[in-house]
Amino acid sequence: MAGGVGSRFWPMSTVETPKQFLDILGTGKTLLQLSADRFKDKVDPAHVWVVTSENYKDLVAEQLSQIPEQQILLEPCMRNTAPCIAYAVWKIKQKYADANIVVSPADHIVLDNQEFTRVIGDCFNYTEENEAIVTLGMQPTRPETGYGYIQANTEDSSTIKEVVAFKEKPNLATAKQYLEQRNYYWNGGIFFWSAATVEKVFRKYLPTMAELFDNIAESFYTEEEQKMIQEYFPRCEKISVDYGIMEKADNIKVHPADFGWSDLGTWGSLHEQVDKDQNNNAIIGDNIKIIESENCMVNIPNGKRYVIQGLDNYIIAEKNDTVLICKKSEEQRIKEFSE
């Protein structure tokens, strides 16, 4: 899923070039490319599908040139994750009726790819043999209020456990309780299911949306497909797969996971994931001098010279001659600042 605009990563992420298409980590690869790479040991690159905005078709085609054009699916408008997933699944199952599918955001990061490969192998094996939905539950490392949580059954000793409930983003006191109880996991938004299972749960819980894609399906793999999507896709209910299906279905499992995951939703989350200097400053850029400063997140394009002195807990970021200098504690207001 690669259609978001990443507004909280401004000024680096813009509507024209959102964060999934940027080299946020300074590795030489974009988040989209890193996301595709981490699945390559379990998923043939020829079987990768990307759902994105029609505005980003060329960016996807350029960055993932190995993907056939017919597997870049273009949304005419943003309708949240349920329609996005339904579009991809209805098209995939028409050609691969027995497909085993993983759904993943394109803008998250994983630090331990070997452990990631092991975990997704477990999940693929499970959904191949069981009519179930498996979601990944990320091992929490702090009382995080910015993520939803998954409560697992403590009496289930299996590797892949029963889900008791999905929990909304908590306040700090509740997040601390979740961390102490040790059976609550961050909801990373990565799901595994067979094409048959997906179709069944959509028909049960989002029947109007299923019927809509039944009507579109006759155009798949033809010149009429995009015209049909333009006409019908905006009619979809704007709803997430969490609200539409996950919180209602009774065949949900969770695989606890610990492979250095972050949804990379904010500059602060990036600061937590990258290497820091002795003063806890995270610096991405090759010509930056930071003096008498600590706990800062600095992201400056290579070649730009910056000298930073006397800051504590700040974000300093620059893109296309726009500079952001912002307290980390105020990063939730970055969307407001960008306007």
C-alpha atoms as a PDB file:
ATOM      1  CA  MET A   1       0.000   0.000   0.000  1.00  0.00           C
ATOM      2  CA  ALA A   2       1.794   3.122  -1.244  1.00  0.00           C
ATOM      3  CA  GLY A   3      -0.780   5.886  -1.570  1.00  0.00           C
ATOM      4  CA  GLY A   4      -0.270   7.995   1.571  1.00  0.00           C
ATOM      5  CA  VAL A   5       1.036  11.572   1.614  1.00  0.00           C
ATOM      6  CA  GLY A   6       3.236  11.419   4.746  1.00  0.00           C
ATOM      7  CA  SER A   7       2.347  14.935   5.902  1.00  0.00           C
ATOM      8  CA  ARG A   8       4.115  14.605   9.265  1.00  0.00           C
ATOM      9  CA  PHE A   9       7.479  14.229   7.494  1.00  0.00           C
ATOM     10  CA  TRP A  10       7.318  17.668   5.907  1.00  0.00           C
ATOM     11  CA  PRO A  11       9.359  19.345   4.466  1.00  0.00           C
ATOM     12  CA  MET A  12      11.054  16.199   3.184  1.00  0.00           C
ATOM     13  CA  SER A  13       7.733  14.511   2.402  1.00  0.00           C
ATOM     14  CA  THR A  14       5.354  16.512   0.205  1.00  0.00           C
ATOM     15  CA  VAL A  15       2.139  15.777  -1.673  1.00  0.00           C
ATOM     16  CA  GLU A  16       4.182  15.660  -4.884  1.00  0.00           C
ATOM     17  CA  THR A  17       6.756  13.217  -3.456  1.00  0.00           C
ATOM     18  CA  PRO A  18       5.547  11.481  -0.261  1.00  0.00           C
ATOM     19  CA  LYS A  19       7.899   9.776   2.166  1.00  0.00           C
ATOM     20  CA  GLN A  20       7.525   6.252   0.710  1.00  0.00           C
ATOM     21  CA  PHE A  21       9.321   7.487  -2.408  1.00  0.00           C
ATOM     22  CA  LEU A  22      12.201   9.093  -0.491  1.00  0.00           C
ATOM     23  CA  ASP A  23      15.504   7.848   0.904  1.00  0.00           C
ATOM     24  CA  ILE A  24      14.567   8.859   4.455  1.00  0.00           C
ATOM     25  CA  LEU A  25      17.254   6.689   6.073  1.00  0.00           C
ATOM     26  CA  GLY A  26      20.140   7.765   3.855  1.00  0.00           C
ATOM     27  CA  THR A  27      20.728   4.184   2.606  1.00  0.00           C
ATOM     28  CA  GLY A  28      20.525   4.883  -1.125  1.00  0.00           C
ATOM     29  CA  LYS A  29      17.097   3.231  -1.333  1.00  0.00           C
ATOM     30  CA  THR A  30      13.624   4.646  -0.816  1.00  0.00           C
ATOM     31  CA  LEU A  31      11.213   3.261   1.770  1.00  0.00           C
ATOM     32  CA  LEU A  32       9.197   1.688  -1.068  1.00  0.00           C
ATOM     33  CA  GLN A  33      12.289  -0.071  -2.408  1.00  0.00           C
ATOM     34  CA  LEU A  34      13.304  -1.257   1.058  1.00  0.00           C
ATOM     35  CA  SER A  35       9.769  -2.596   1.620  1.00  0.00           C
ATOM     36  CA  ALA A  36       9.845  -4.590  -1.612  1.00  0.00           C
ATOM     37  CA  ASP A  37      13.362  -5.882  -0.885  1.00  0.00           C
ATOM     38  CA  ARG A  38      12.479  -7.313   2.512  1.00  0.00           C
ATOM     39  CA  PHE A  39       9.900  -9.679   1.008  1.00  0.00           C
ATOM     40  CA  LYS A  40      12.133 -10.985  -1.799  1.00  0.00           C
ATOM     41  CA  ASP A  41      13.172 -14.207  -0.024  1.00  0.00           C
ATOM     42  CA  LYS A  42       9.529 -15.303   0.328  1.00  0.00           C
ATOM     43  CA  VAL A  43       7.738 -13.476  -2.504  1.00  0.00           C
ATOM     44  CA  ASP A  44       8.796 -13.560  -6.146  1.00  0.00           C
ATOM     45  CA  PRO A  45       9.322  -9.919  -7.235  1.00  0.00           C
ATOM     46  CA  ALA A  46       7.081 -10.707 -10.219  1.00  0.00           C
ATOM     47  CA  HIS A  47       4.248 -11.284  -7.731  1.00  0.00           C
ATOM     48  CA  VAL A  48       4.473  -7.908  -5.999  1.00  0.00           C
ATOM     49  CA  TRP A  49       1.481  -5.580  -6.451  1.00  0.00           C
ATOM     50  CA  VAL A  50       1.439  -1.904  -5.498  1.00  0.00           C
ATOM     51  CA  VAL A  51      -1.702   0.128  -4.872  1.00  0.00           C
ATOM     52  CA  THR A  52      -1.019   3.844  -5.054  1.00  0.00           C
ATOM     53  CA  SER A  53      -2.518   7.137  -6.148  1.00  0.00           C
ATOM     54  CA  GLU A  54      -2.779   7.700  -9.874  1.00  0.00           C
ATOM     55  CA  ASN A  55      -0.511  10.709  -9.246  1.00  0.00           C
ATOM     56  CA  TYR A  56       2.365   8.412  -8.263  1.00  0.00           C
ATOM     57  CA  LYS A  57       2.278   5.888 -11.109  1.00  0.00           C
ATOM     58  CA  ASP A  58       5.546   7.111 -12.624  1.00  0.00           C
ATOM     59  CA  LEU A  59       7.331   7.160  -9.246  1.00  0.00           C
ATOM     60  CA  VAL A  60       6.368   3.526  -8.560  1.00  0.00           C
ATOM     61  CA  ALA A  61       7.303   2.416 -12.079  1.00  0.00           C
ATOM     62  CA  GLU A  62      10.685   4.128 -11.791  1.00  0.00           C
ATOM     63  CA  GLN A  63      11.548   2.817  -8.331  1.00  0.00           C
ATOM     64  CA  LEU A  64      10.191  -0.732  -8.804  1.00  0.00           C
ATOM     65  CA  SER A  65      10.985  -1.333 -12.458  1.00  0.00           C
ATOM     66  CA  GLN A  66      10.752  -5.114 -11.927  1.00  0.00           C
ATOM     67  CA  ILE A  67       6.978  -4.926 -11.398  1.00  0.00           C
ATOM     68  CA  PRO A  68       4.739  -5.387 -14.472  1.00  0.00           C
ATOM     69  CA  GLU A  69       2.726  -2.260 -15.237  1.00  0.00           C
ATOM     70  CA  GLN A  70      -0.582  -4.102 -14.780  1.00  0.00           C
ATOM     71  CA  GLN A  71       0.427  -4.735 -11.143  1.00  0.00           C
ATOM     72  CA  ILE A  72       0.622  -1.034 -10.330  1.00  0.00           C
ATOM     73  CA  LEU A  73      -2.966  -0.300  -9.321  1.00  0.00           C
ATOM     74  CA  LEU A  74      -4.055   3.329  -9.383  1.00  0.00           C
ATOM     75  CA  GLU A  75      -6.571   4.829  -6.982  1.00  0.00           C
ATOM     76  CA  PRO A  76      -8.395   7.922  -8.302  1.00  0.00           C
ATOM     77  CA  CYS A  77      -8.997   9.115  -4.726  1.00  0.00           C
ATOM     78  CA  MET A  78      -8.083   8.150  -1.156  1.00  0.00           C
ATOM     79  CA  ARG A  79     -10.678   5.844   0.428  1.00  0.00           C
ATOM     80  CA  ASN A  80      -8.590   4.315   3.265  1.00  0.00           C
ATOM     81  CA  THR A  81      -7.219   0.768   3.428  1.00  0.00           C
ATOM     82  CA  ALA A  82     -10.270  -1.460   2.932  1.00  0.00           C
ATOM     83  CA  PRO A  83     -11.003  -0.373  -0.674  1.00  0.00           C
ATOM     84  CA  CYS A  84      -7.266  -0.366  -1.410  1.00  0.00           C
ATOM     85  CA  ILE A  85      -6.954  -3.994  -0.292  1.00  0.00           C
ATOM     86  CA  ALA A  86     -10.183  -5.084  -1.976  1.00  0.00           C
ATOM     87  CA  TYR A  87      -9.020  -3.717  -5.328  1.00  0.00           C
ATOM     88  CA  ALA A  88      -5.729  -5.608  -5.155  1.00  0.00           C
ATOM     89  CA  VAL A  89      -7.259  -8.857  -3.910  1.00  0.00           C
ATOM     90  CA  TRP A  90     -10.107  -8.914  -6.455  1.00  0.00           C
ATOM     91  CA  LYS A  91      -7.584  -8.437  -9.250  1.00  0.00           C
ATOM     92  CA  ILE A  92      -5.078 -10.957  -7.901  1.00  0.00           C
ATOM     93  CA  LYS A  93      -7.657 -13.697  -7.307  1.00  0.00           C
ATOM     94  CA  GLN A  94      -8.916 -13.423 -10.880  1.00  0.00           C
ATOM     95  CA  LYS A  95      -5.534 -14.626 -12.120  1.00  0.00           C
ATOM     96  CA  TYR A  96      -4.319 -16.547  -9.033  1.00  0.00           C
ATOM     97  CA  ALA A  97      -7.356 -18.058  -7.304  1.00  0.00           C
ATOM     98  CA  ASP A  98      -5.207 -19.939  -4.754  1.00  0.00           C
ATOM     99  CA  ALA A  99      -2.982 -16.968  -3.915  1.00  0.00           C
ATOM    100  CA  ASN A 100      -1.540 -16.603  -0.430  1.00  0.00           C
ATOM    101  CA  ILE A 101      -1.368 -12.848   0.189  1.00  0.00           C
ATOM    102  CA  VAL A 102       0.481 -10.477   2.497  1.00  0.00           C
ATOM    103  CA  VAL A 103      -0.630  -6.848   2.783  1.00  0.00           C
ATOM    104  CA  SER A 104       1.951  -4.323   3.942  1.00  0.00           C
ATOM    105  CA  PRO A 105       2.383  -0.550   4.081  1.00  0.00           C
ATOM    106  CA  ALA A 106       5.185   0.775   1.869  1.00  0.00           C
ATOM    107  CA  ASP A 107       6.566   3.315   4.341  1.00  0.00           C
ATOM    108  CA  HIS A 108       7.530   1.247   7.397  1.00  0.00           C
ATOM    109  CA  ILE A 109      11.020   0.130   8.317  1.00  0.00           C
ATOM    110  CA  VAL A 110      12.475  -3.149   9.584  1.00  0.00           C
ATOM    111  CA  LEU A 111      15.994  -3.362  11.009  1.00  0.00           C
ATOM    112  CA  ASP A 112      16.369  -7.164  11.283  1.00  0.00           C
ATOM    113  CA  ASN A 113      15.487  -8.545   7.854  1.00  0.00           C
ATOM    114  CA  GLN A 114      16.558 -12.092   8.728  1.00  0.00           C
ATOM    115  CA  GLU A 115      14.078 -12.284  11.614  1.00  0.00           C
ATOM    116  CA  PHE A 116      11.438 -10.625   9.451  1.00  0.00           C
ATOM    117  CA  THR A 117      11.880 -13.349   6.809  1.00  0.00           C
ATOM    118  CA  ARG A 118      11.501 -16.079   9.448  1.00  0.00           C
ATOM    119  CA  VAL A 119       8.322 -14.561  10.871  1.00  0.00           C
ATOM    120  CA  ILE A 120       6.591 -14.031   7.536  1.00  0.00           C
ATOM    121  CA  GLY A 121       7.476 -17.613   6.594  1.00  0.00           C
ATOM    122  CA  ASP A 122       5.568 -18.802   9.688  1.00  0.00           C
ATOM    123  CA  CYS A 123       2.588 -16.664   8.689  1.00  0.00           C
ATOM    124  CA  PHE A 124       2.506 -17.827   5.076  1.00  0.00           C
ATOM    125  CA  ASN A 125       2.609 -21.449   6.212  1.00  0.00           C
ATOM    126  CA  TYR A 126      -0.265 -20.863   8.624  1.00  0.00           C
ATOM    127  CA  THR A 127      -2.591 -19.116   6.172  1.00  0.00           C
ATOM    128  CA  GLU A 128      -1.832 -21.696   3.507  1.00  0.00           C
ATOM    129  CA  GLU A 129      -3.182 -24.429   5.803  1.00  0.00           C
ATOM    130  CA  ASN A 130      -5.873 -22.527   7.757  1.00  0.00           C
ATOM    131  CA  GLU A 131      -8.840 -20.322   6.909  1.00  0.00           C
ATOM    132  CA  ALA A 132      -7.606 -17.492   9.063  1.00  0.00           C
ATOM    133  CA  ILE A 133      -6.238 -13.963   9.015  1.00  0.00           C
ATOM    134  CA  VAL A 134      -2.840 -13.507  10.649  1.00  0.00           C
ATOM    135  CA  THR A 135      -1.601 -10.093  11.679  1.00  0.00           C
ATOM    136  CA  LEU A 136       1.818  -9.200  13.041  1.00  0.00           C
ATOM    137  CA  GLY A 137       1.949  -7.908  16.613  1.00  0.00           C
ATOM    138  CA  MET A 138       5.081  -5.849  17.187  1.00  0.00           C
ATOM    139  CA  GLN A 139       6.756  -6.295  20.562  1.00  0.00           C
ATOM    140  CA  PRO A 140       6.352  -2.944  22.352  1.00  0.00           C
ATOM    141  CA  THR A 141       9.504  -1.339  23.711  1.00  0.00           C
ATOM    142  CA  ARG A 142       7.879   1.668  25.382  1.00  0.00           C
ATOM    143  CA  PRO A 143       4.401   2.892  26.428  1.00  0.00           C
ATOM    144  CA  GLU A 144       3.510   4.229  22.972  1.00  0.00           C
ATOM    145  CA  THR A 145       0.331   6.300  22.571  1.00  0.00           C
ATOM    146  CA  GLY A 146       0.643   6.682  18.806  1.00  0.00           C
ATOM    147  CA  TYR A 147      -0.124   3.053  17.863  1.00  0.00           C
ATOM    148  CA  GLY A 148      -3.155   0.826  18.128  1.00  0.00           C
ATOM    149  CA  TYR A 149      -2.642  -2.411  20.095  1.00  0.00           C
ATOM    150  CA  ILE A 150      -3.532  -6.085  19.700  1.00  0.00           C
ATOM    151  CA  GLN A 151      -4.414  -8.086  22.811  1.00  0.00           C
ATOM    152  CA  ALA A 152      -3.345 -11.740  22.554  1.00  0.00           C
ATOM    153  CA  ASN A 153      -4.721 -14.707  24.476  1.00  0.00           C
ATOM    154  CA  THR A 154      -2.264 -15.341  27.320  1.00  0.00           C
ATOM    155  CA  GLU A 155      -3.380 -18.971  27.648  1.00  0.00           C
ATOM    156  CA  ASP A 156      -2.449 -19.736  24.027  1.00  0.00           C
ATOM    157  CA  SER A 157       1.078 -21.186  23.985  1.00  0.00           C
ATOM    158  CA  SER A 158       1.214 -21.401  20.182  1.00  0.00           C
ATOM    159  CA  THR A 159       3.614 -19.290  18.137  1.00  0.00           C
ATOM    160  CA  ILE A 160       0.624 -17.795  16.338  1.00  0.00           C
ATOM    161  CA  LYS A 161      -1.922 -16.842  18.994  1.00  0.00           C
ATOM    162  CA  GLU A 162      -5.616 -16.043  19.198  1.00  0.00           C
ATOM    163  CA  VAL A 163      -6.528 -12.361  19.146  1.00  0.00           C
ATOM    164  CA  VAL A 164      -8.692 -11.264  22.076  1.00  0.00           C
ATOM    165  CA  ALA A 165      -9.272  -7.683  20.907  1.00  0.00           C
ATOM    166  CA  PHE A 166      -7.952  -4.774  18.888  1.00  0.00           C
ATOM    167  CA  LYS A 167      -7.431  -1.652  20.993  1.00  0.00           C
ATOM    168  CA  GLU A 168      -7.492   1.979  19.877  1.00  0.00           C
ATOM    169  CA  LYS A 169      -4.527   4.286  20.496  1.00  0.00           C
ATOM    170  CA  PRO A 170      -4.383   4.534  24.303  1.00  0.00           C
ATOM    171  CA  ASN A 171      -3.555   7.344  26.676  1.00  0.00           C
ATOM    172  CA  LEU A 172      -0.202   7.158  28.455  1.00  0.00           C
ATOM    173  CA  ALA A 173      -1.512   5.459  31.608  1.00  0.00           C
ATOM    174  CA  THR A 174      -3.213   2.730  29.570  1.00  0.00           C
ATOM    175  CA  ALA A 175      -0.140   2.278  27.376  1.00  0.00           C
ATOM    176  CA  LYS A 176       1.952   1.712  30.517  1.00  0.00           C
ATOM    177  CA  GLN A 177      -0.534  -0.973  31.650  1.00  0.00           C
ATOM    178  CA  TYR A 178      -0.317  -2.675  28.247  1.00  0.00           C
ATOM    179  CA  LEU A 179       3.480  -2.740  28.483  1.00  0.00           C
ATOM    180  CA  GLU A 180       3.370  -4.273  31.974  1.00  0.00           C
ATOM    181  CA  GLN A 181       0.833  -6.965  31.039  1.00  0.00           C
ATOM    182  CA  ARG A 182       3.095  -8.281  28.246  1.00  0.00           C
ATOM    183  CA  ASN A 183       0.285  -9.663  26.084  1.00  0.00           C
ATOM    184  CA  TYR A 184      -0.373  -6.438  24.165  1.00  0.00           C
ATOM    185  CA  TYR A 185       1.397  -5.776  20.893  1.00  0.00           C
ATOM    186  CA  TRP A 186       1.618  -2.821  18.530  1.00  0.00           C
ATOM    187  CA  ASN A 187      -0.621  -3.181  15.510  1.00  0.00           C
ATOM    188  CA  GLY A 188       1.748  -2.879  12.551  1.00  0.00           C
ATOM    189  CA  GLY A 189      -0.910  -3.132   9.858  1.00  0.00           C
ATOM    190  CA  ILE A 190       0.652  -6.181   8.142  1.00  0.00           C
ATOM    191  CA  PHE A 191      -1.836  -8.976   7.343  1.00  0.00           C
ATOM    192  CA  PHE A 192      -1.613 -12.476   5.865  1.00  0.00           C
ATOM    193  CA  TRP A 193      -4.566 -14.335   4.334  1.00  0.00           C
ATOM    194  CA  SER A 194      -5.508 -16.440   1.350  1.00  0.00           C
ATOM    195  CA  ALA A 195      -7.460 -14.908  -1.519  1.00  0.00           C
ATOM    196  CA  ALA A 196     -10.417 -17.131  -0.613  1.00  0.00           C
ATOM    197  CA  THR A 197     -10.370 -15.972   3.020  1.00  0.00           C
ATOM    198  CA  VAL A 198     -10.197 -12.300   2.049  1.00  0.00           C
ATOM    199  CA  GLU A 199     -13.106 -12.647  -0.339  1.00  0.00           C
ATOM    200  CA  LYS A 200     -15.201 -14.417   2.294  1.00  0.00           C
ATOM    201  CA  VAL A 201     -14.672 -11.798   5.011  1.00  0.00           C
ATOM    202  CA  PHE A 202     -15.291  -8.901   2.628  1.00  0.00           C
ATOM    203  CA  ARG A 203     -18.552 -10.500   1.488  1.00  0.00           C
ATOM    204  CA  LYS A 204     -19.585 -10.991   5.123  1.00  0.00           C
ATOM    205  CA  TYR A 205     -18.578  -7.660   6.664  1.00  0.00           C
ATOM    206  CA  LEU A 206     -18.355  -5.239   3.705  1.00  0.00           C
ATOM    207  CA  PRO A 207     -20.847  -6.744   1.217  1.00  0.00           C
ATOM    208  CA  THR A 208     -21.539  -3.511  -0.653  1.00  0.00           C
ATOM    209  CA  MET A 209     -17.839  -3.046  -1.344  1.00  0.00           C
ATOM    210  CA  ALA A 210     -17.481  -6.684  -2.448  1.00  0.00           C
ATOM    211  CA  GLU A 211     -20.363  -6.258  -4.880  1.00  0.00           C
ATOM    212  CA  LEU A 212     -18.818  -3.083  -6.248  1.00  0.00           C
ATOM    213  CA  PHE A 213     -15.558  -4.871  -7.070  1.00  0.00           C
ATOM    214  CA  ASP A 214     -17.531  -7.771  -8.575  1.00  0.00           C
ATOM    215  CA  ASN A 215     -18.865  -5.218 -11.049  1.00  0.00           C
ATOM    216  CA  ILE A 216     -15.406  -3.839 -11.807  1.00  0.00           C
ATOM    217  CA  ALA A 217     -13.753  -7.257 -12.115  1.00  0.00           C
ATOM    218  CA  GLU A 218     -14.923  -7.895 -15.680  1.00  0.00           C
ATOM    219  CA  SER A 219     -12.659  -5.044 -16.821  1.00  0.00           C
ATOM    220  CA  PHE A 220      -9.501  -6.297 -15.115  1.00  0.00           C
ATOM    221  CA  TYR A 221      -6.506  -6.767 -17.433  1.00  0.00           C
ATOM    222  CA  THR A 222      -8.284  -4.825 -20.207  1.00  0.00           C
ATOM    223  CA  GLU A 223      -8.056  -1.261 -21.497  1.00  0.00           C
ATOM    224  CA  GLU A 224     -11.356  -0.516 -19.715  1.00  0.00           C
ATOM    225  CA  GLU A 225     -10.003  -1.199 -16.207  1.00  0.00           C
ATOM    226  CA  GLN A 226      -8.891   2.299 -15.279  1.00  0.00           C
ATOM    227  CA  LYS A 227     -12.085   3.826 -16.667  1.00  0.00           C
ATOM    228  CA  MET A 228     -14.140   1.474 -14.468  1.00  0.00           C
ATOM    229  CA  ILE A 229     -11.966   2.233 -11.431  1.00  0.00           C
ATOM    230  CA  GLN A 230     -12.423   5.965 -12.035  1.00  0.00           C
ATOM    231  CA  GLU A 231     -16.186   5.475 -12.053  1.00  0.00           C
ATOM    232  CA  TYR A 232     -16.701   2.956  -9.236  1.00  0.00           C
ATOM    233  CA  PHE A 233     -13.804   3.354  -6.782  1.00  0.00           C
ATOM    234  CA  PRO A 234     -15.000   6.740  -5.399  1.00  0.00           C
ATOM    235  CA  ARG A 235     -18.291   5.027  -4.469  1.00  0.00           C
ATOM    236  CA  CYS A 236     -16.499   2.808  -1.936  1.00  0.00           C
ATOM    237  CA  GLU A 237     -17.114   3.497   1.717  1.00  0.00           C
ATOM    238  CA  LYS A 238     -14.143   5.327   3.203  1.00  0.00           C
ATOM    239  CA  ILE A 239     -13.119   2.829   5.865  1.00  0.00           C
ATOM    240  CA  SER A 240      -9.999   1.117   7.177  1.00  0.00           C
ATOM    241  CA  VAL A 241      -9.601  -2.642   7.069  1.00  0.00           C
ATOM    242  CA  ASP A 242      -9.207  -2.536  10.870  1.00  0.00           C
ATOM    243  CA  TYR A 243     -12.675  -1.044  11.422  1.00  0.00           C
ATOM    244  CA  GLY A 244     -14.313  -2.802   8.497  1.00  0.00           C
ATOM    245  CA  ILE A 245     -13.053  -6.347   9.060  1.00  0.00           C
ATOM    246  CA  MET A 246     -10.400  -6.943  11.717  1.00  0.00           C
ATOM    247  CA  GLU A 247     -12.469  -5.767  14.674  1.00  0.00           C
ATOM    248  CA  LYS A 248     -15.430  -7.924  13.552  1.00  0.00           C
ATOM    249  CA  ALA A 249     -13.974 -11.163  12.186  1.00  0.00           C
ATOM    250  CA  ASP A 250     -13.685 -14.200  14.454  1.00  0.00           C
ATOM    251  CA  ASN A 251     -10.781 -15.966  12.733  1.00  0.00           C
ATOM    252  CA  ILE A 252      -8.011 -13.486  13.561  1.00  0.00           C
ATOM    253  CA  LYS A 253      -4.615 -14.621  14.823  1.00  0.00           C
ATOM    254  CA  VAL A 254      -1.520 -12.686  15.818  1.00  0.00           C
ATOM    255  CA  HIS A 255       2.142 -13.581  15.411  1.00  0.00           C
ATOM    256  CA  PRO A 256       4.223 -11.660  18.008  1.00  0.00           C
ATOM    257  CA  ALA A 257       7.284 -10.191  16.302  1.00  0.00           C
ATOM    258  CA  ASP A 258      10.447  -8.375  17.289  1.00  0.00           C
ATOM    259  CA  PHE A 259      12.524  -7.319  14.290  1.00  0.00           C
ATOM    260  CA  GLY A 260      13.150  -3.613  14.826  1.00  0.00           C
ATOM    261  CA  TRP A 261       9.901  -2.321  13.345  1.00  0.00           C
ATOM    262  CA  SER A 262       8.686   1.261  13.108  1.00  0.00           C
ATOM    263  CA  ASP A 263       5.844   2.778  11.137  1.00  0.00           C
ATOM    264  CA  LEU A 264       8.115   5.794  10.683  1.00  0.00           C
ATOM    265  CA  GLY A 265       5.162   8.088  11.147  1.00  0.00           C
ATOM    266  CA  THR A 266       7.077  11.057  12.564  1.00  0.00           C
ATOM    267  CA  TRP A 267      10.532  12.576  12.771  1.00  0.00           C
ATOM    268  CA  GLY A 268      10.628  11.407  16.384  1.00  0.00           C
ATOM    269  CA  SER A 269      10.111   7.788  15.350  1.00  0.00           C
ATOM    270  CA  LEU A 270      12.956   8.138  12.844  1.00  0.00           C
ATOM    271  CA  HIS A 271      15.197   9.458  15.635  1.00  0.00           C
ATOM    272  CA  GLU A 272      14.531   6.298  17.631  1.00  0.00           C
ATOM    273  CA  GLN A 273      15.531   3.984  14.777  1.00  0.00           C
ATOM    274  CA  VAL A 274      18.768   5.433  13.381  1.00  0.00           C
ATOM    275  CA  ASP A 275      22.275   5.600  14.876  1.00  0.00           C
ATOM    276  CA  LYS A 276      22.987   8.427  17.293  1.00  0.00           C
ATOM    277  CA  ASP A 277      26.140  10.243  18.391  1.00  0.00           C
ATOM    278  CA  GLN A 278      27.337  10.442  21.992  1.00  0.00           C
ATOM    279  CA  ASN A 279      24.786  13.183  22.706  1.00  0.00           C
ATOM    280  CA  ASN A 280      21.835  11.225  21.288  1.00  0.00           C
ATOM    281  CA  ASN A 281      21.726  13.278  18.095  1.00  0.00           C
ATOM    282  CA  ALA A 282      20.598  11.415  14.949  1.00  0.00           C
ATOM    283  CA  ILE A 283      22.249  12.976  11.909  1.00  0.00           C
ATOM    284  CA  ILE A 284      21.490  12.165   8.268  1.00  0.00           C
ATOM    285  CA  GLY A 285      23.641  14.214   5.918  1.00  0.00           C
ATOM    286  CA  ASP A 286      27.342  14.426   5.118  1.00  0.00           C
ATOM    287  CA  ASN A 287      28.342  17.988   6.002  1.00  0.00           C
ATOM    288  CA  ILE A 288      26.728  18.815   9.334  1.00  0.00           C
ATOM    289  CA  LYS A 289      28.497  20.111  12.437  1.00  0.00           C
ATOM    290  CA  ILE A 290      26.479  19.931  15.646  1.00  0.00           C
ATOM    291  CA  ILE A 291      27.788  21.661  18.772  1.00  0.00           C
ATOM    292  CA  GLU A 292      26.562  21.682  22.377  1.00  0.00           C
ATOM    293  CA  SER A 293      23.303  20.073  21.254  1.00  0.00           C
ATOM    294  CA  GLU A 294      21.569  16.856  22.247  1.00  0.00           C
ATOM    295  CA  ASN A 295      18.574  14.635  21.447  1.00  0.00           C
ATOM    296  CA  CYS A 296      18.129  16.233  18.023  1.00  0.00           C
ATOM    297  CA  MET A 297      16.944  14.738  14.714  1.00  0.00           C
ATOM    298  CA  VAL A 298      18.819  16.307  11.794  1.00  0.00           C
ATOM    299  CA  ASN A 299      18.112  15.434   8.151  1.00  0.00           C
ATOM    300  CA  ILE A 300      19.862  17.611   5.580  1.00  0.00           C
ATOM    301  CA  PRO A 301      20.539  16.751   1.902  1.00  0.00           C
ATOM    302  CA  ASN A 302      24.089  15.744   1.139  1.00  0.00           C
ATOM    303  CA  GLY A 303      26.226  18.675   0.093  1.00  0.00           C
ATOM    304  CA  LYS A 304      24.434  21.248   2.247  1.00  0.00           C
ATOM    305  CA  ARG A 305      26.511  22.769   5.062  1.00  0.00           C
ATOM    306  CA  TYR A 306      24.837  23.253   8.428  1.00  0.00           C
ATOM    307  CA  VAL A 307      26.247  24.292  11.797  1.00  0.00           C
ATOM    308  CA  ILE A 308      23.841  23.732  14.696  1.00  0.00           C
ATOM    309  CA  GLN A 309      24.566  24.969  18.217  1.00  0.00           C
ATOM    310  CA  GLY A 310      22.740  24.906  21.517  1.00  0.00           C
ATOM    311  CA  LEU A 311      19.602  22.920  20.677  1.00  0.00           C
ATOM    312  CA  ASP A 312      17.986  20.194  22.776  1.00  0.00           C
ATOM    313  CA  ASN A 313      15.205  17.930  21.479  1.00  0.00           C
ATOM    314  CA  TYR A 314      14.738  19.639  18.120  1.00  0.00           C
ATOM    315  CA  ILE A 315      13.981  18.517  14.580  1.00  0.00           C
ATOM    316  CA  ILE A 316      16.038  20.205  11.864  1.00  0.00           C
ATOM    317  CA  ALA A 317      15.134  19.172   8.327  1.00  0.00           C
ATOM    318  CA  GLU A 318      15.571  20.704   4.887  1.00  0.00           C
ATOM    319  CA  LYS A 319      14.229  19.884   1.418  1.00  0.00           C
ATOM    320  CA  ASN A 320      14.123  22.018  -1.705  1.00  0.00           C
ATOM    321  CA  ASP A 321      15.327  25.092   0.203  1.00  0.00           C
ATOM    322  CA  THR A 322      12.564  24.801   2.800  1.00  0.00           C
ATOM    323  CA  VAL A 323      13.892  24.432   6.346  1.00  0.00           C
ATOM    324  CA  LEU A 324      11.986  23.134   9.372  1.00  0.00           C
ATOM    325  CA  ILE A 325      13.285  23.843  12.887  1.00  0.00           C
ATOM    326  CA  CYS A 326      10.779  22.465  15.370  1.00  0.00           C
ATOM    327  CA  LYS A 327      10.659  21.143  18.914  1.00  0.00           C
ATOM    328  CA  LYS A 328      10.269  17.359  18.899  1.00  0.00           C
ATOM    329  CA  SER A 329       7.498  17.767  21.451  1.00  0.00           C
ATOM    330  CA  GLU A 330       5.531  19.776  18.854  1.00  0.00           C
ATOM    331  CA  GLU A 331       5.970  17.406  15.916  1.00  0.00           C
ATOM    332  CA  GLN A 332       2.270  16.558  15.785  1.00  0.00           C
ATOM    333  CA  ARG A 333       1.764  20.152  14.594  1.00  0.00           C
ATOM    334  CA  ILE A 334       4.039  19.785  11.554  1.00  0.00           C
ATOM    335  CA  LYS A 335       1.069  19.284   9.237  1.00  0.00           C
ATOM    336  CA  GLU A 336      -0.305  22.584  10.576  1.00  0.00           C
ATOM    337  CA  PHE A 337       3.060  24.295  10.024  1.00  0.00           C
ATOM    338  CA  SER A 338       3.288  23.041   6.461  1.00  0.00           C
ATOM    339  CA  GLU A 339      -0.002  24.710   5.575  1.00  0.00           C
END
